[in-house]
C-alpha atoms as a PDB file:
ATOM      1  CA  MET A   1      25.133 -15.363 132.588  1.00  0.00           C
ATOM      2  CA  ALA A   2      27.206 -17.673 130.164  1.00  0.00           C
ATOM      3  CA  LYS A   3      31.387 -17.021 131.232  1.00  0.00           C
ATOM      4  CA  GLU A   4      32.810 -15.184 127.924  1.00  0.00           C
ATOM      5  CA  THR A   5      35.870 -15.988 126.392  1.00  0.00           C
ATOM      6  CA  ILE A   6      38.207 -14.239 125.043  1.00  0.00           C
ATOM      7  CA  THR A   7      40.565 -14.720 122.480  1.00  0.00           C
ATOM      8  CA  GLU A   8      43.586 -14.095 120.551  1.00  0.00           C
ATOM      9  CA  ARG A   9      40.970 -12.811 117.496  1.00  0.00           C
ATOM     10  CA  ASP A  10      39.394 -10.774 119.484  1.00  0.00           C
ATOM     11  CA  ILE A  11      42.491  -8.510 121.174  1.00  0.00           C
ATOM     12  CA  LEU A  12      42.125  -5.565 118.392  1.00  0.00           C
ATOM     13  CA  VAL A  13      44.935  -3.288 119.846  1.00  0.00           C
ATOM     14  CA  ARG A  14      48.716  -4.776 120.288  1.00  0.00           C
ATOM     15  CA  GLU A  15      51.453  -3.635 121.572  1.00  0.00           C
ATOM     16  CA  VAL A  16      54.153  -2.756 119.500  1.00  0.00           C
ATOM     17  CA  THR A  17      57.660  -5.252 121.430  1.00  0.00           C
ATOM     18  CA  HIS A  18      59.405  -5.312 118.328  1.00  0.00           C
ATOM     19  CA  VAL A  19      60.132  -3.642 114.606  1.00  0.00           C
ATOM     20  CA  GLN A  20      62.044  -5.097 111.484  1.00  0.00           C
ATOM     21  CA  ALA A  21      62.858  -2.438 108.669  1.00  0.00           C
ATOM     22  CA  SER A  22      63.863  -3.525 105.921  1.00  0.00           C
ATOM     23  CA  TRP A  23      64.644  -2.245 101.847  1.00  0.00           C
ATOM     24  CA  THR A  24      63.967  -4.240  98.873  1.00  0.00           C
ATOM     25  CA  GLU A  25      65.165  -2.671  95.804  1.00  0.00           C
ATOM     26  CA  GLN A  26      63.182  -2.772  92.311  1.00  0.00           C
ATOM     27  CA  GLY A  27      65.138  -2.317  89.617  1.00  0.00           C
ATOM     28  CA  PRO A  28      67.824  -0.287  87.752  1.00  0.00           C
ATOM     29  CA  ASP A  29      66.035   4.018  87.943  1.00  0.00           C
ATOM     30  CA  GLN A  30      63.038   2.182  90.042  1.00  0.00           C
ATOM     31  CA  SER A  31      62.571   3.395  93.529  1.00  0.00           C
ATOM     32  CA  GLY A  32      62.889   1.477  95.798  1.00  0.00           C
ATOM     33  CA  ILE A  33      60.107  -0.350  98.114  1.00  0.00           C
ATOM     34  CA  PHE A  34      61.253  -0.459 102.657  1.00  0.00           C
ATOM     35  CA  THR A  35      58.648  -2.310 104.515  1.00  0.00           C
ATOM     36  CA  LEU A  36      58.257  -1.897 108.682  1.00  0.00           C
ATOM     37  CA  GLN A  37      57.102  -5.423 110.505  1.00  0.00           C
ATOM     38  CA  LEU A  38      55.976  -4.723 113.277  1.00  0.00           C
ATOM     39  CA  ILE A  39      55.704  -7.791 116.064  1.00  0.00           C
ATOM     40  CA  LEU A  40      52.834  -7.607 118.037  1.00  0.00           C
ATOM     41  CA  ASP A  41      52.597  -8.732 121.668  1.00  0.00           C
ATOM     42  CA  ASN A  42      56.348 -10.253 121.194  1.00  0.00           C
ATOM     43  CA  GLY A  43      54.612 -12.311 117.923  1.00  0.00           C
ATOM     44  CA  ALA A  44      51.275 -13.055 119.425  1.00  0.00           C
ATOM     45  CA  GLU A  45      50.333 -11.466 115.580  1.00  0.00           C
ATOM     46  CA  GLU A  46      52.441  -9.232 113.286  1.00  0.00           C
ATOM     47  CA  TYR A  47      51.806  -7.203 110.694  1.00  0.00           C
ATOM     48  CA  ILE A  48      53.748  -4.972 108.291  1.00  0.00           C
ATOM     49  CA  LEU A  49      53.733  -1.486 106.549  1.00  0.00           C
ATOM     50  CA  ARG A  50      54.679  -0.403 103.741  1.00  0.00           C
ATOM     51  CA  PRO A  51      55.492   3.356 104.528  1.00  0.00           C
ATOM     52  CA  ASP A  52      57.625   5.826 101.707  1.00  0.00           C
ATOM     53  CA  SER A  53      61.259   7.134 102.366  1.00  0.00           C
ATOM     54  CA  ASP A  54      59.486  10.193 104.708  1.00  0.00           C
ATOM     55  CA  ASP A  55      57.435   8.667 106.417  1.00  0.00           C
ATOM     56  CA  VAL A  56      59.765   5.386 107.325  1.00  0.00           C
ATOM     57  CA  ASP A  57      62.011   8.003 108.864  1.00  0.00           C
ATOM     58  CA  LEU A  58      59.092   9.801 110.551  1.00  0.00           C
ATOM     59  CA  MET A  59      57.845   6.425 111.840  1.00  0.00           C
ATOM     60  CA  LEU A  60      61.628   5.180 113.865  1.00  0.00           C
ATOM     61  CA  LYS A  61      61.934   8.803 114.456  1.00  0.00           C
ATOM     62  CA  LEU A  62      58.411   7.895 117.204  1.00  0.00           C
ATOM     63  CA  PHE A  63      59.554   4.660 117.539  1.00  0.00           C
ATOM     64  CA  GLN A  64      62.653   6.596 119.275  1.00  0.00           C
ATOM     65  CA  ARG A  65      61.063   9.046 120.916  1.00  0.00           C
ATOM     66  CA  SER A  66      58.585   6.870 122.392  1.00  0.00           C
ATOM     67  CA  SER A  67      58.465   4.279 125.476  1.00  0.00           C
ATOM     68  CA  GLN A  68      55.397   2.084 123.732  1.00  0.00           C
ATOM     69  CA  ALA A  69      53.806   2.201 120.660  1.00  0.00           C
ATOM     70  CA  MET A  70      50.543   0.080 119.686  1.00  0.00           C
ATOM     71  CA  PHE A  71      48.464  -1.499 117.043  1.00  0.00           C
ATOM     72  CA  ASP A  72      44.974  -0.902 116.407  1.00  0.00           C
ATOM     73  CA  MET A  73      44.647  -4.595 114.120  1.00  0.00           C
ATOM     74  CA  GLU A  74      40.576  -3.276 113.572  1.00  0.00           C
ATOM     75  CA  ARG A  75      41.661   0.702 111.939  1.00  0.00           C
ATOM     76  CA  LYS A  76      44.513   0.425 111.152  1.00  0.00           C
ATOM     77  CA  VAL A  77      46.224   3.267 113.181  1.00  0.00           C
ATOM     78  CA  LEU A  78      49.804   3.534 114.995  1.00  0.00           C
ATOM     79  CA  MET A  79      49.759   5.446 118.311  1.00  0.00           C
ATOM     80  CA  PHE A  80      52.899   5.970 119.896  1.00  0.00           C
ATOM     81  CA  GLY A  81      53.041   6.661 123.462  1.00  0.00           C
ATOM     82  CA  ASN A  82      54.859   8.874 126.376  1.00  0.00           C
ATOM     83  CA  LEU A  83      56.349  10.621 123.707  1.00  0.00           C
ATOM     84  CA  LYS A  84      59.690  12.581 125.035  1.00  0.00           C
ATOM     85  CA  VAL A  85      58.357  16.331 124.334  1.00  0.00           C
ATOM     86  CA  ARG A  86      62.203  17.393 124.913  1.00  0.00           C
END
């Protein structure tokens, strides 16, 4: 039986180890754009989210309340674990 080799590309769910939040001006009389750059597994992967202003506020609160966040690269799902209820 051949031994399977798992490569970095085979890993579909990664830990969010850092988040870089930014806002970019679009021009006069236009709304700006928020981006959240997810640094996954200490730089093994990166992913950019572009939430609206309501979502970015909620997402940053979830990052603050959670002891761990994971990102599913295939399904594009951000998951928060061990949320503090109070």
